[in-house]
Amino acid sequence: MSWAHDISYFFGGMFLANAFPHFVSGMMGRAFQTPFAKPPGQGLSSSTVNVLWGFANFVFAYMLIARVGTVDLHAMDQAISAGMGVLLMALFSARSFGRFHGGNSPTNR
């Protein structure tokens, strides 16, 4: 496998992690930040926009993970590449969205 495949799986993992909060928030009927809000990434978008954005992220993840090369999740390097993308995006999202929803404070209960 080439390094280009590893990079593709990494970014596929990032899109996969990004899909979940948008898709789930939209399905729950909740507004959530998207790149289409004003200001981008800070303002809230409707639940419909979030479902569409989440679904688009699932499609991007599929294209980058399943359609580039021959993915084998039993291959440690491929699983690590995708997993690191998921982890990095999850940490970034937690820090970014936490400042809007109170998730960055250890005293929130």
PDB file of N, CA and C in Angstrom:
ATOM      1  N   MET A   1       0.837  -1.178   0.000  1.00  0.00           N
ATOM      2  CA  MET A   1       0.000   0.000   0.000  1.00  0.00           C
ATOM      3  C   MET A   1       0.882   1.242   0.000  1.00  0.00           C
ATOM      4  N   SER A   2       0.430   2.267  -0.671  1.00  0.00           N
ATOM      5  CA  SER A   2       1.234   3.479  -0.776  1.00  0.00           C
ATOM      6  C   SER A   2       0.868   4.471   0.333  1.00  0.00           C
ATOM      7  N   TRP A   3       1.737   5.436   0.537  1.00  0.00           N
ATOM      8  CA  TRP A   3       1.485   6.472   1.533  1.00  0.00           C
ATOM      9  C   TRP A   3       0.261   7.296   1.169  1.00  0.00           C
ATOM     10  N   ALA A   4      -0.041   7.406  -0.132  1.00  0.00           N
ATOM     11  CA  ALA A   4      -1.228   8.153  -0.568  1.00  0.00           C
ATOM     12  C   ALA A   4      -2.502   7.491  -0.048  1.00  0.00           C
ATOM     13  N   HIS A   5      -2.504   6.152   0.020  1.00  0.00           N
ATOM     14  CA  HIS A   5      -3.662   5.445   0.567  1.00  0.00           C
ATOM     15  C   HIS A   5      -3.807   5.742   2.059  1.00  0.00           C
ATOM     16  N   ASP A   6      -2.694   5.750   2.781  1.00  0.00           N
ATOM     17  CA  ASP A   6      -2.734   6.083   4.215  1.00  0.00           C
ATOM     18  C   ASP A   6      -3.321   7.470   4.438  1.00  0.00           C
ATOM     19  N   ILE A   7      -2.906   8.430   3.626  1.00  0.00           N
ATOM     20  CA  ILE A   7      -3.430   9.794   3.750  1.00  0.00           C
ATOM     21  C   ILE A   7      -4.919   9.819   3.434  1.00  0.00           C
ATOM     22  N   SER A   8      -5.331   9.077   2.423  1.00  0.00           N
ATOM     23  CA  SER A   8      -6.752   8.998   2.065  1.00  0.00           C
ATOM     24  C   SER A   8      -7.571   8.406   3.211  1.00  0.00           C
ATOM     25  N   TYR A   9      -7.079   7.337   3.830  1.00  0.00           N
ATOM     26  CA  TYR A   9      -7.794   6.704   4.940  1.00  0.00           C
ATOM     27  C   TYR A   9      -7.840   7.642   6.148  1.00  0.00           C
ATOM     28  N   PHE A  10      -6.757   8.404   6.373  1.00  0.00           N
ATOM     29  CA  PHE A  10      -6.719   9.369   7.467  1.00  0.00           C
ATOM     30  C   PHE A  10      -7.814  10.420   7.282  1.00  0.00           C
ATOM     31  N   PHE A  11      -7.880  11.025   6.105  1.00  0.00           N
ATOM     32  CA  PHE A  11      -8.901  12.047   5.855  1.00  0.00           C
ATOM     33  C   PHE A  11     -10.303  11.429   5.807  1.00  0.00           C
ATOM     34  N   GLY A  12     -10.414  10.192   5.350  1.00  0.00           N
ATOM     35  CA  GLY A  12     -11.689   9.497   5.406  1.00  0.00           C
ATOM     36  C   GLY A  12     -12.165   9.339   6.839  1.00  0.00           C
ATOM     37  N   GLY A  13     -11.246   9.028   7.743  1.00  0.00           N
ATOM     38  CA  GLY A  13     -11.581   8.933   9.160  1.00  0.00           C
ATOM     39  C   GLY A  13     -12.022  10.274   9.721  1.00  0.00           C
ATOM     40  N   MET A  14     -11.395  11.347   9.274  1.00  0.00           N
ATOM     41  CA  MET A  14     -11.794  12.679   9.729  1.00  0.00           C
ATOM     42  C   MET A  14     -13.230  13.001   9.281  1.00  0.00           C
ATOM     43  N   PHE A  15     -13.529  12.713   8.018  1.00  0.00           N
ATOM     44  CA  PHE A  15     -14.889  12.957   7.527  1.00  0.00           C
ATOM     45  C   PHE A  15     -15.901  12.067   8.249  1.00  0.00           C
ATOM     46  N   LEU A  16     -15.511  10.841   8.541  1.00  0.00           N
ATOM     47  CA  LEU A  16     -16.408   9.931   9.252  1.00  0.00           C
ATOM     48  C   LEU A  16     -16.737  10.466  10.640  1.00  0.00           C
ATOM     49  N   ALA A  17     -15.727  10.915  11.376  1.00  0.00           N
ATOM     50  CA  ALA A  17     -15.966  11.467  12.710  1.00  0.00           C
ATOM     51  C   ALA A  17     -16.810  12.737  12.633  1.00  0.00           C
ATOM     52  N   ASN A  18     -16.600  13.547  11.599  1.00  0.00           N
ATOM     53  CA  ASN A  18     -17.355  14.790  11.453  1.00  0.00           C
ATOM     54  C   ASN A  18     -18.814  14.529  11.074  1.00  0.00           C
ATOM     55  N   ALA A  19     -19.086  13.412  10.455  1.00  0.00           N
ATOM     56  CA  ALA A  19     -20.453  13.116  10.012  1.00  0.00           C
ATOM     57  C   ALA A  19     -21.398  12.899  11.188  1.00  0.00           C
ATOM     58  N   PHE A  20     -20.935  12.234  12.216  1.00  0.00           N
ATOM     59  CA  PHE A  20     -21.825  11.831  13.307  1.00  0.00           C
ATOM     60  C   PHE A  20     -22.495  12.986  14.053  1.00  0.00           C
ATOM     61  N   PRO A  21     -21.760  13.992  14.549  1.00  0.00           N
ATOM     62  CA  PRO A  21     -22.459  15.034  15.319  1.00  0.00           C
ATOM     63  C   PRO A  21     -23.479  15.801  14.480  1.00  0.00           C
ATOM     64  N   HIS A  22     -23.152  16.034  13.210  1.00  0.00           N
ATOM     65  CA  HIS A  22     -24.077  16.772  12.351  1.00  0.00           C
ATOM     66  C   HIS A  22     -25.317  15.944  12.035  1.00  0.00           C
ATOM     67  N   PHE A  23     -25.097  14.703  11.663  1.00  0.00           N
ATOM     68  CA  PHE A  23     -26.219  13.843  11.288  1.00  0.00           C
ATOM     69  C   PHE A  23     -27.136  13.588  12.479  1.00  0.00           C
ATOM     70  N   VAL A  24     -26.547  13.272  13.626  1.00  0.00           N
ATOM     71  CA  VAL A  24     -27.347  12.979  14.815  1.00  0.00           C
ATOM     72  C   VAL A  24     -28.069  14.237  15.304  1.00  0.00           C
ATOM     73  N   SER A  25     -27.380  15.378  15.347  1.00  0.00           N
ATOM     74  CA  SER A  25     -28.047  16.619  15.761  1.00  0.00           C
ATOM     75  C   SER A  25     -29.221  16.922  14.847  1.00  0.00           C
ATOM     76  N   GLY A  26     -29.016  16.760  13.556  1.00  0.00           N
ATOM     77  CA  GLY A  26     -30.098  17.004  12.612  1.00  0.00           C
ATOM     78  C   GLY A  26     -31.264  16.054  12.811  1.00  0.00           C
ATOM     79  N   MET A  27     -30.967  14.778  13.032  1.00  0.00           N
ATOM     80  CA  MET A  27     -32.034  13.798  13.251  1.00  0.00           C
ATOM     81  C   MET A  27     -32.813  14.093  14.529  1.00  0.00           C
ATOM     82  N   MET A  28     -32.148  14.692  15.508  1.00  0.00           N
ATOM     83  CA  MET A  28     -32.811  15.036  16.766  1.00  0.00           C
ATOM     84  C   MET A  28     -33.560  16.366  16.662  1.00  0.00           C
ATOM     85  N   GLY A  29     -33.473  17.011  15.497  1.00  0.00           N
ATOM     86  CA  GLY A  29     -34.168  18.276  15.299  1.00  0.00           C
ATOM     87  C   GLY A  29     -33.461  19.460  15.923  1.00  0.00           C
ATOM     88  N   ARG A  30     -32.181  19.328  16.192  1.00  0.00           N
ATOM     89  CA  ARG A  30     -31.418  20.390  16.845  1.00  0.00           C
ATOM     90  C   ARG A  30     -30.574  21.165  15.839  1.00  0.00           C
ATOM     91  N   ALA A  31     -30.504  22.464  16.048  1.00  0.00           N
ATOM     92  CA  ALA A  31     -29.583  23.291  15.268  1.00  0.00           C
ATOM     93  C   ALA A  31     -28.164  23.018  15.768  1.00  0.00           C
ATOM     94  N   PHE A  32     -27.187  23.152  14.873  1.00  0.00           N
ATOM     95  CA  PHE A  32     -25.791  22.886  15.228  1.00  0.00           C
ATOM     96  C   PHE A  32     -24.906  23.675  14.264  1.00  0.00           C
ATOM     97  N   GLN A  33     -23.670  23.926  14.652  1.00  0.00           N
ATOM     98  CA  GLN A  33     -22.745  24.675  13.818  1.00  0.00           C
ATOM     99  C   GLN A  33     -22.405  23.895  12.553  1.00  0.00           C
ATOM    100  N   THR A  34     -22.336  24.609  11.423  1.00  0.00           N
ATOM    101  CA  THR A  34     -21.836  24.041  10.169  1.00  0.00           C
ATOM    102  C   THR A  34     -21.017  25.118   9.466  1.00  0.00           C
ATOM    103  N   PRO A  35     -20.307  24.740   8.417  1.00  0.00           N
ATOM    104  CA  PRO A  35     -19.580  25.746   7.637  1.00  0.00           C
ATOM    105  C   PRO A  35     -20.508  26.695   6.882  1.00  0.00           C
ATOM    106  N   PHE A  36     -21.799  26.382   6.809  1.00  0.00           N
ATOM    107  CA  PHE A  36     -22.746  27.181   6.040  1.00  0.00           C
ATOM    108  C   PHE A  36     -23.447  28.238   6.888  1.00  0.00           C
ATOM    109  N   ALA A  37     -23.217  28.235   8.195  1.00  0.00           N
ATOM    110  CA  ALA A  37     -23.849  29.194   9.095  1.00  0.00           C
ATOM    111  C   ALA A  37     -23.135  30.539   9.000  1.00  0.00           C
ATOM    112  N   LYS A  38     -23.739  31.541   9.612  1.00  0.00           N
ATOM    113  CA  LYS A  38     -23.113  32.858   9.674  1.00  0.00           C
ATOM    114  C   LYS A  38     -22.882  33.197  11.131  1.00  0.00           C
ATOM    115  N   PRO A  39     -21.663  33.425  11.557  1.00  0.00           N
ATOM    116  CA  PRO A  39     -20.407  33.202  10.847  1.00  0.00           C
ATOM    117  C   PRO A  39     -20.108  31.707  10.712  1.00  0.00           C
ATOM    118  N   PRO A  40     -19.389  31.325   9.662  1.00  0.00           N
ATOM    119  CA  PRO A  40     -19.121  29.907   9.390  1.00  0.00           C
ATOM    120  C   PRO A  40     -18.474  29.200  10.589  1.00  0.00           C
ATOM    121  N   GLY A  41     -19.037  28.056  10.950  1.00  0.00           N
ATOM    122  CA  GLY A  41     -18.496  27.250  12.035  1.00  0.00           C
ATOM    123  C   GLY A  41     -18.859  27.742  13.420  1.00  0.00           C
ATOM    124  N   GLN A  42     -19.513  28.889  13.513  1.00  0.00           N
ATOM    125  CA  GLN A  42     -19.886  29.437  14.818  1.00  0.00           C
ATOM    126  C   GLN A  42     -21.395  29.593  14.954  1.00  0.00           C
ATOM    127  N   GLY A  43     -22.033  30.099  13.896  1.00  0.00           N
ATOM    128  CA  GLY A  43     -23.483  30.239  13.925  1.00  0.00           C
ATOM    129  C   GLY A  43     -24.150  28.884  13.789  1.00  0.00           C
ATOM    130  N   LEU A  44     -25.432  28.846  14.055  1.00  0.00           N
ATOM    131  CA  LEU A  44     -26.172  27.592  13.990  1.00  0.00           C
ATOM    132  C   LEU A  44     -26.854  27.426  12.639  1.00  0.00           C
ATOM    133  N   SER A  45     -26.864  26.198  12.159  1.00  0.00           N
ATOM    134  CA  SER A  45     -27.607  25.837  10.952  1.00  0.00           C
ATOM    135  C   SER A  45     -28.788  24.975  11.353  1.00  0.00           C
ATOM    136  N   SER A  46     -29.787  24.927  10.514  1.00  0.00           N
ATOM    137  CA  SER A  46     -31.000  24.171  10.808  1.00  0.00           C
ATOM    138  C   SER A  46     -30.710  22.676  10.883  1.00  0.00           C
ATOM    139  N   SER A  47     -31.653  21.951  11.444  1.00  0.00           N
ATOM    140  CA  SER A  47     -31.507  20.497  11.539  1.00  0.00           C
ATOM    141  C   SER A  47     -31.442  19.864  10.150  1.00  0.00           C
ATOM    142  N   THR A  48     -32.173  20.413   9.188  1.00  0.00           N
ATOM    143  CA  THR A  48     -32.142  19.880   7.823  1.00  0.00           C
ATOM    144  C   THR A  48     -30.765  20.048   7.203  1.00  0.00           C
ATOM    145  N   VAL A  49     -30.171  21.224   7.367  1.00  0.00           N
ATOM    146  CA  VAL A  49     -28.822  21.469   6.842  1.00  0.00           C
ATOM    147  C   VAL A  49     -27.839  20.509   7.506  1.00  0.00           C
ATOM    148  N   ASN A  50     -27.995  20.248   8.785  1.00  0.00           N
ATOM    149  CA  ASN A  50     -27.093  19.343   9.483  1.00  0.00           C
ATOM    150  C   ASN A  50     -27.222  17.906   8.993  1.00  0.00           C
ATOM    151  N   VAL A  51     -28.439  17.452   8.728  1.00  0.00           N
ATOM    152  CA  VAL A  51     -28.611  16.102   8.176  1.00  0.00           C
ATOM    153  C   VAL A  51     -27.917  16.008   6.820  1.00  0.00           C
ATOM    154  N   LEU A  52     -28.120  17.017   5.980  1.00  0.00           N
ATOM    155  CA  LEU A  52     -27.492  17.000   4.648  1.00  0.00           C
ATOM    156  C   LEU A  52     -25.970  17.071   4.739  1.00  0.00           C
ATOM    157  N   TRP A  53     -25.452  17.919   5.642  1.00  0.00           N
ATOM    158  CA  TRP A  53     -23.999  18.039   5.814  1.00  0.00           C
ATOM    159  C   TRP A  53     -23.412  16.751   6.399  1.00  0.00           C
ATOM    160  N   GLY A  54     -24.103  16.158   7.359  1.00  0.00           N
ATOM    161  CA  GLY A  54     -23.655  14.891   7.923  1.00  0.00           C
ATOM    162  C   GLY A  54     -23.631  13.795   6.875  1.00  0.00           C
ATOM    163  N   PHE A  55     -24.675  13.718   6.065  1.00  0.00           N
ATOM    164  CA  PHE A  55     -24.732  12.705   5.013  1.00  0.00           C
ATOM    165  C   PHE A  55     -23.617  12.922   3.991  1.00  0.00           C
ATOM    166  N   ALA A  56     -23.371  14.181   3.623  1.00  0.00           N
ATOM    167  CA  ALA A  56     -22.273  14.470   2.691  1.00  0.00           C
ATOM    168  C   ALA A  56     -20.944  14.007   3.278  1.00  0.00           C
ATOM    169  N   ASN A  57     -20.739  14.190   4.575  1.00  0.00           N
ATOM    170  CA  ASN A  57     -19.509  13.721   5.219  1.00  0.00           C
ATOM    171  C   ASN A  57     -19.410  12.201   5.189  1.00  0.00           C
ATOM    172  N   PHE A  58     -20.538  11.495   5.365  1.00  0.00           N
ATOM    173  CA  PHE A  58     -20.526  10.030   5.232  1.00  0.00           C
ATOM    174  C   PHE A  58     -20.105   9.626   3.820  1.00  0.00           C
ATOM    175  N   VAL A  59     -20.613  10.334   2.816  1.00  0.00           N
ATOM    176  CA  VAL A  59     -20.255  10.026   1.426  1.00  0.00           C
ATOM    177  C   VAL A  59     -18.770  10.270   1.196  1.00  0.00           C
ATOM    178  N   PHE A  60     -18.254  11.417   1.669  1.00  0.00           N
ATOM    179  CA  PHE A  60     -16.822  11.711   1.515  1.00  0.00           C
ATOM    180  C   PHE A  60     -15.978  10.641   2.207  1.00  0.00           C
ATOM    181  N   ALA A  61     -16.384  10.229   3.407  1.00  0.00           N
ATOM    182  CA  ALA A  61     -15.651   9.192   4.142  1.00  0.00           C
ATOM    183  C   ALA A  61     -15.644   7.887   3.355  1.00  0.00           C
ATOM    184  N   TYR A  62     -16.795   7.513   2.828  1.00  0.00           N
ATOM    185  CA  TYR A  62     -16.885   6.287   2.032  1.00  0.00           C
ATOM    186  C   TYR A  62     -15.950   6.357   0.826  1.00  0.00           C
ATOM    187  N   MET A  63     -15.987   7.479   0.131  1.00  0.00           N
ATOM    188  CA  MET A  63     -15.146   7.616  -1.067  1.00  0.00           C
ATOM    189  C   MET A  63     -13.655   7.515  -0.713  1.00  0.00           C
ATOM    190  N   LEU A  64     -13.258   8.125   0.391  1.00  0.00           N
ATOM    191  CA  LEU A  64     -11.843   8.133   0.762  1.00  0.00           C
ATOM    192  C   LEU A  64     -11.374   6.825   1.388  1.00  0.00           C
ATOM    193  N   ILE A  65     -12.264   6.117   2.070  1.00  0.00           N
ATOM    194  CA  ILE A  65     -11.862   4.880   2.733  1.00  0.00           C
ATOM    195  C   ILE A  65     -12.111   3.656   1.852  1.00  0.00           C
ATOM    196  N   ALA A  66     -13.288   3.553   1.291  1.00  0.00           N
ATOM    197  CA  ALA A  66     -13.660   2.320   0.588  1.00  0.00           C
ATOM    198  C   ALA A  66     -13.354   2.335  -0.898  1.00  0.00           C
ATOM    199  N   ARG A  67     -13.207   3.506  -1.495  1.00  0.00           N
ATOM    200  CA  ARG A  67     -13.020   3.567  -2.934  1.00  0.00           C
ATOM    201  C   ARG A  67     -11.591   3.849  -3.367  1.00  0.00           C
ATOM    202  N   VAL A  68     -10.723   4.217  -2.429  1.00  0.00           N
ATOM    203  CA  VAL A  68      -9.322   4.477  -2.747  1.00  0.00           C
ATOM    204  C   VAL A  68      -8.530   3.241  -2.336  1.00  0.00           C
ATOM    205  N   GLY A  69      -7.871   2.644  -3.266  1.00  0.00           N
ATOM    206  CA  GLY A  69      -7.107   1.437  -2.965  1.00  0.00           C
ATOM    207  C   GLY A  69      -8.023   0.284  -2.603  1.00  0.00           C
ATOM    208  N   THR A  70      -7.462  -0.688  -1.917  1.00  0.00           N
ATOM    209  CA  THR A  70      -8.221  -1.835  -1.440  1.00  0.00           C
ATOM    210  C   THR A  70      -8.081  -1.864   0.070  1.00  0.00           C
ATOM    211  N   VAL A  71      -9.075  -1.291   0.741  1.00  0.00           N
ATOM    212  CA  VAL A  71      -8.990  -1.173   2.185  1.00  0.00           C
ATOM    213  C   VAL A  71      -9.168  -2.538   2.844  1.00  0.00           C
ATOM    214  N   ASP A  72      -8.343  -2.810   3.838  1.00  0.00           N
ATOM    215  CA  ASP A  72      -8.426  -4.031   4.628  1.00  0.00           C
ATOM    216  C   ASP A  72      -8.277  -3.615   6.083  1.00  0.00           C
ATOM    217  N   LEU A  73      -9.389  -3.547   6.809  1.00  0.00           N
ATOM    218  CA  LEU A  73      -9.338  -3.076   8.194  1.00  0.00           C
ATOM    219  C   LEU A  73      -8.607  -4.040   9.115  1.00  0.00           C
ATOM    220  N   HIS A  74      -8.246  -5.220   8.607  1.00  0.00           N
ATOM    221  CA  HIS A  74      -7.407  -6.129   9.379  1.00  0.00           C
ATOM    222  C   HIS A  74      -5.932  -5.749   9.241  1.00  0.00           C
ATOM    223  N   ALA A  75      -5.615  -4.895   8.270  1.00  0.00           N
ATOM    224  CA  ALA A  75      -4.249  -4.396   8.103  1.00  0.00           C
ATOM    225  C   ALA A  75      -4.044  -3.266   9.102  1.00  0.00           C
ATOM    226  N   MET A  76      -3.113  -3.451   9.992  1.00  0.00           N
ATOM    227  CA  MET A  76      -2.920  -2.508  11.093  1.00  0.00           C
ATOM    228  C   MET A  76      -2.641  -1.089  10.609  1.00  0.00           C
ATOM    229  N   ASP A  77      -1.816  -0.915   9.588  1.00  0.00           N
ATOM    230  CA  ASP A  77      -1.479   0.436   9.140  1.00  0.00           C
ATOM    231  C   ASP A  77      -2.696   1.173   8.589  1.00  0.00           C
ATOM    232  N   GLN A  78      -3.574   0.457   7.918  1.00  0.00           N
ATOM    233  CA  GLN A  78      -4.777   1.095   7.378  1.00  0.00           C
ATOM    234  C   GLN A  78      -5.761   1.452   8.485  1.00  0.00           C
ATOM    235  N   ALA A  79      -5.928   0.569   9.441  1.00  0.00           N
ATOM    236  CA  ALA A  79      -6.821   0.834  10.571  1.00  0.00           C
ATOM    237  C   ALA A  79      -6.283   1.993  11.411  1.00  0.00           C
ATOM    238  N   ILE A  80      -4.980   2.059  11.601  1.00  0.00           N
ATOM    239  CA  ILE A  80      -4.380   3.151  12.363  1.00  0.00           C
ATOM    240  C   ILE A  80      -4.558   4.475  11.636  1.00  0.00           C
ATOM    241  N   SER A  81      -4.361   4.480  10.314  1.00  0.00           N
ATOM    242  CA  SER A  81      -4.534   5.712   9.541  1.00  0.00           C
ATOM    243  C   SER A  81      -5.945   6.263   9.694  1.00  0.00           C
ATOM    244  N   ALA A  82      -6.945   5.409   9.485  1.00  0.00           N
ATOM    245  CA  ALA A  82      -8.337   5.852   9.622  1.00  0.00           C
ATOM    246  C   ALA A  82      -8.649   6.212  11.072  1.00  0.00           C
ATOM    247  N   GLY A  83      -8.169   5.408  12.012  1.00  0.00           N
ATOM    248  CA  GLY A  83      -8.426   5.665  13.425  1.00  0.00           C
ATOM    249  C   GLY A  83      -7.817   6.964  13.908  1.00  0.00           C
ATOM    250  N   MET A  84      -6.641   7.300  13.434  1.00  0.00           N
ATOM    251  CA  MET A  84      -6.017   8.568  13.818  1.00  0.00           C
ATOM    252  C   MET A  84      -6.801   9.752  13.267  1.00  0.00           C
ATOM    253  N   GLY A  85      -7.350   9.597  12.067  1.00  0.00           N
ATOM    254  CA  GLY A  85      -8.201  10.648  11.510  1.00  0.00           C
ATOM    255  C   GLY A  85      -9.447  10.848  12.357  1.00  0.00           C
ATOM    256  N   VAL A  86     -10.067   9.737  12.780  1.00  0.00           N
ATOM    257  CA  VAL A  86     -11.254   9.813  13.639  1.00  0.00           C
ATOM    258  C   VAL A  86     -10.893  10.490  14.956  1.00  0.00           C
ATOM    259  N   LEU A  87      -9.804  10.056  15.587  1.00  0.00           N
ATOM    260  CA  LEU A  87      -9.402  10.608  16.877  1.00  0.00           C
ATOM    261  C   LEU A  87      -9.088  12.097  16.790  1.00  0.00           C
ATOM    262  N   LEU A  88      -8.315  12.491  15.787  1.00  0.00           N
ATOM    263  CA  LEU A  88      -7.949  13.903  15.655  1.00  0.00           C
ATOM    264  C   LEU A  88      -9.166  14.785  15.430  1.00  0.00           C
ATOM    265  N   MET A  89     -10.084  14.351  14.559  1.00  0.00           N
ATOM    266  CA  MET A  89     -11.286  15.142  14.306  1.00  0.00           C
ATOM    267  C   MET A  89     -12.179  15.174  15.539  1.00  0.00           C
ATOM    268  N   ALA A  90     -12.260  14.072  16.270  1.00  0.00           N
ATOM    269  CA  ALA A  90     -13.078  14.036  17.485  1.00  0.00           C
ATOM    270  C   ALA A  90     -12.526  15.007  18.530  1.00  0.00           C
ATOM    271  N   LEU A  91     -11.207  15.027  18.707  1.00  0.00           N
ATOM    272  CA  LEU A  91     -10.601  15.964  19.664  1.00  0.00           C
ATOM    273  C   LEU A  91     -10.783  17.413  19.225  1.00  0.00           C
ATOM    274  N   PHE A  92     -10.592  17.656  17.937  1.00  0.00           N
ATOM    275  CA  PHE A  92     -10.794  19.006  17.399  1.00  0.00           C
ATOM    276  C   PHE A  92     -12.240  19.448  17.600  1.00  0.00           C
ATOM    277  N   SER A  93     -13.187  18.573  17.309  1.00  0.00           N
ATOM    278  CA  SER A  93     -14.606  18.896  17.469  1.00  0.00           C
ATOM    279  C   SER A  93     -14.949  19.155  18.933  1.00  0.00           C
ATOM    280  N   ALA A  94     -14.421  18.327  19.817  1.00  0.00           N
ATOM    281  CA  ALA A  94     -14.694  18.499  21.246  1.00  0.00           C
ATOM    282  C   ALA A  94     -14.231  19.870  21.715  1.00  0.00           C
ATOM    283  N   ARG A  95     -13.058  20.287  21.303  1.00  0.00           N
ATOM    284  CA  ARG A  95     -12.537  21.597  21.702  1.00  0.00           C
ATOM    285  C   ARG A  95     -13.307  22.725  21.017  1.00  0.00           C
ATOM    286  N   SER A  96     -13.566  22.587  19.733  1.00  0.00           N
ATOM    287  CA  SER A  96     -14.237  23.654  18.980  1.00  0.00           C
ATOM    288  C   SER A  96     -15.682  23.841  19.414  1.00  0.00           C
ATOM    289  N   PHE A  97     -16.448  22.770  19.441  1.00  0.00           N
ATOM    290  CA  PHE A  97     -17.860  22.872  19.768  1.00  0.00           C
ATOM    291  C   PHE A  97     -18.078  22.999  21.275  1.00  0.00           C
ATOM    292  N   GLY A  98     -17.126  22.543  22.063  1.00  0.00           N
ATOM    293  CA  GLY A  98     -17.239  22.638  23.511  1.00  0.00           C
ATOM    294  C   GLY A  98     -17.308  24.061  23.999  1.00  0.00           C
ATOM    295  N   ARG A  99     -16.664  24.961  23.292  1.00  0.00           N
ATOM    296  CA  ARG A  99     -16.700  26.358  23.719  1.00  0.00           C
ATOM    297  C   ARG A  99     -18.085  26.976  23.519  1.00  0.00           C
ATOM    298  N   PHE A 100     -18.893  26.409  22.614  1.00  0.00           N
ATOM    299  CA  PHE A 100     -20.248  26.910  22.385  1.00  0.00           C
ATOM    300  C   PHE A 100     -21.275  26.224  23.287  1.00  0.00           C
ATOM    301  N   HIS A 101     -20.982  25.000  23.693  1.00  0.00           N
ATOM    302  CA  HIS A 101     -21.965  24.193  24.413  1.00  0.00           C
ATOM    303  C   HIS A 101     -21.548  23.877  25.851  1.00  0.00           C
ATOM    304  N   GLY A 102     -20.502  24.534  26.338  1.00  0.00           N
ATOM    305  CA  GLY A 102     -20.075  24.361  27.721  1.00  0.00           C
ATOM    306  C   GLY A 102     -19.315  23.080  27.987  1.00  0.00           C
ATOM    307  N   GLY A 103     -18.831  22.411  26.978  1.00  0.00           N
ATOM    308  CA  GLY A 103     -18.147  21.143  27.170  1.00  0.00           C
ATOM    309  C   GLY A 103     -16.680  21.243  27.507  1.00  0.00           C
ATOM    310  N   ASN A 104     -16.121  22.435  27.521  1.00  0.00           N
ATOM    311  CA  ASN A 104     -14.699  22.589  27.824  1.00  0.00           C
ATOM    312  C   ASN A 104     -14.425  22.841  29.297  1.00  0.00           C
ATOM    313  N   SER A 105     -15.478  22.977  30.088  1.00  0.00           N
ATOM    314  CA  SER A 105     -15.311  23.238  31.510  1.00  0.00           C
ATOM    315  C   SER A 105     -15.380  21.933  32.292  1.00  0.00           C
ATOM    316  N   PRO A 106     -14.342  21.610  33.089  1.00  0.00           N
ATOM    317  CA  PRO A 106     -14.362  20.350  33.856  1.00  0.00           C
ATOM    318  C   PRO A 106     -15.382  20.376  34.982  1.00  0.00           C
ATOM    319  N   THR A 107     -15.929  21.541  35.322  1.00  0.00           N
ATOM    320  CA  THR A 107     -16.890  21.609  36.423  1.00  0.00           C
ATOM    321  C   THR A 107     -18.331  21.480  35.958  1.00  0.00           C
ATOM    322  N   ASN A 108     -18.558  21.415  34.629  1.00  0.00           N
ATOM    323  CA  ASN A 108     -19.937  21.209  34.133  1.00  0.00           C
ATOM    324  C   ASN A 108     -20.442  19.841  34.504  1.00  0.00           C
ATOM    325  N   ARG A 109     -21.643  19.780  35.009  1.00  0.00           N
ATOM    326  CA  ARG A 109     -22.237  18.482  35.359  1.00  0.00           C
ATOM    327  C   ARG A 109     -23.624  18.408  34.813  1.00  0.00           C
TER     328      ARG A 109
END
